[in-house]
Amino acid sequence: MPDLLGVTNPVPGHDTGNINRNLPNLPNDPRIQNAPDPTRVSGPDNRTERQDNGDTAGGGQALRYDSNFLTFLQRLSDTPGLSQTLLQLLRSYQGTVVSSGMGEGMAVEMSALLEMLKMDEGELASFLKNQLEAGNRFTGPLFSILREAYGTSGSDVMRSSILQFLKRYSDYSSSQHIQGNLLRTLTRLTRSIPATYGNQLLNMVSELQEKLGSGDRAGSLKLLQGSIMPFLASYTSKTNDMGLSRTLISMLALDVARYENSSREGLLQAFHQLSAHASLRERLGGLSDAALLHLVEHNAFAKAAEQDQFAGQLARTAQRALRGGAGAEAQDAFRNIVSAFLVNESVYMPLMHLVIPLEWNGRMMFSELWVDPDAEDNLKKGQGHRENTIRFLFKIDIQGLGFFDMVLTCQRENVDLQLYCPEAIASFAGTFQGELSRILTENGMNAGSVEVKAMEKPLTISGVFPRIFEGENSINVKA
């Protein structure tokens, strides 16, 4: 997360090599704004608490004084259109075996990716179901009980115990990913520090890789906490290196803490704390440690993550392209795709995000699906007697037709739908409305307001889901 959102501001004096570090301290220096003077009230200067016109420190980027959440929202609004980018990329490689700038093996990777897009109705339904399950690790009867208990309990102690257990489970179910992060970050560190230090660190990284591979968790933690982190702390204190290594060490410290938190023993201990609460103990029904481990290791999320072949193939193809296996245009497209996925899957986003890439009747189509499963937040507002509202946003790019936006609001069987289509086919709006109403009715839905309009400009995520701006739905992390 630090590397994604840039939570650390540029350090003055370390962002460029052209700064004179021996600037004289002259009285009434015009470069020093608002120098403190106890005899008068200082006037305004260029510093501001706003994101849009704050101080700059190299590269024209504004320093942040408010929160990382607003940085995330700006990144989200600046993210290029994922649907259009991936459709153009796949369409450019469709039927291509060798092209200029394509390295050995890239054609094979792209062919494997394109082959996955050929789906019929049954395969598409299975693909969507698998993606939904792989996108939410807190599914199943256990988490339904915990979710209900958290929403209805007035005990802060019990709520804290539930959150602690969920944190433990999140790290426990991400153990393999955390181990990979540790090795990747340490490998980057060996290249970002002087060779005299990097070679020493490389030997420790090799030892860590052996211990992780053999499942020696205690030995890995001892090496990380007793040797690697003290070595990096000593390096920083001796060299005052405030460059890339500073960010990488911050990321490493976070992953070390998560790795320590991901032990099976810690998960069971957090579960035992849950069982200490009488109301939860009754709902859990005397769940044993073995039964708990079976639930968290063999739930729908774990199975779906193992079967998510498209995401794995896309990651492999992007990796090969970004390492020089494709031309500059393809590399730029893959860079935009990876950036969009990282931002869209951020922990700040209170929405579900799915992608629907496929080739249907000879046409390439790529769609993004955003879902707010609790659009009106009825339970938190004490309106549990009302039916909950679910809101969907589809962003669809169809080869040969253009770009569509569709907003679907559902309250049980009652559905309202707005479709925004390209100007060229807006004259068929009446036909679209009739067909959409028919499809909803045939599938047991009550079609309410069904509107089809020409698209003036693409819908924004924050415009369709304004609750992401609400304080209770965001995370305000001070930089």
Foldseek 3Di string as FASTA:
>chain_A
DCVLQVQDFDDPPPPDPPDDPPDDDDPPDVVDAQDDDVVDDGDDDQADQDLPRHDDDPPPHHDHFFFSQVSLVVLQVVQPDLFVLVLVLLVVLVVPQDDPLFAPPLSVLSVVLQVVQADDPVRLVVLVVLQVLQQDLQDDDVSVLLVVCLLPDPDPQLVVLSVLLVLLLVLQVCLVVLLVLLLVLLVVLLVPDDVVLSVVSVVLSVVLVVCVVVVVLVVNLCSVVVPVLVSLVVVCVVPVDPPPNVSSSVVNVVSSVSNVSHDLVNSVVSVVSNCVDPVSVVVVVPQDSVNVVCCSCPDSNNVSVVVNVSVVSLVVSLVCVCVRNGDPSSVVSSVSNVSNVPSVSDPFDQWGKDKRWHQDPNKTKIKIKIKNQAQPVCSNVVNVVAFGKMKMWMWMQIPPFGIKIKIWIDRPQEIAIEIAGAPVCQVCFVVVQVVVCVVSVVVRHHYDHYGYYHDPDDDRPCVNRVCSPPPVSGDGHGD
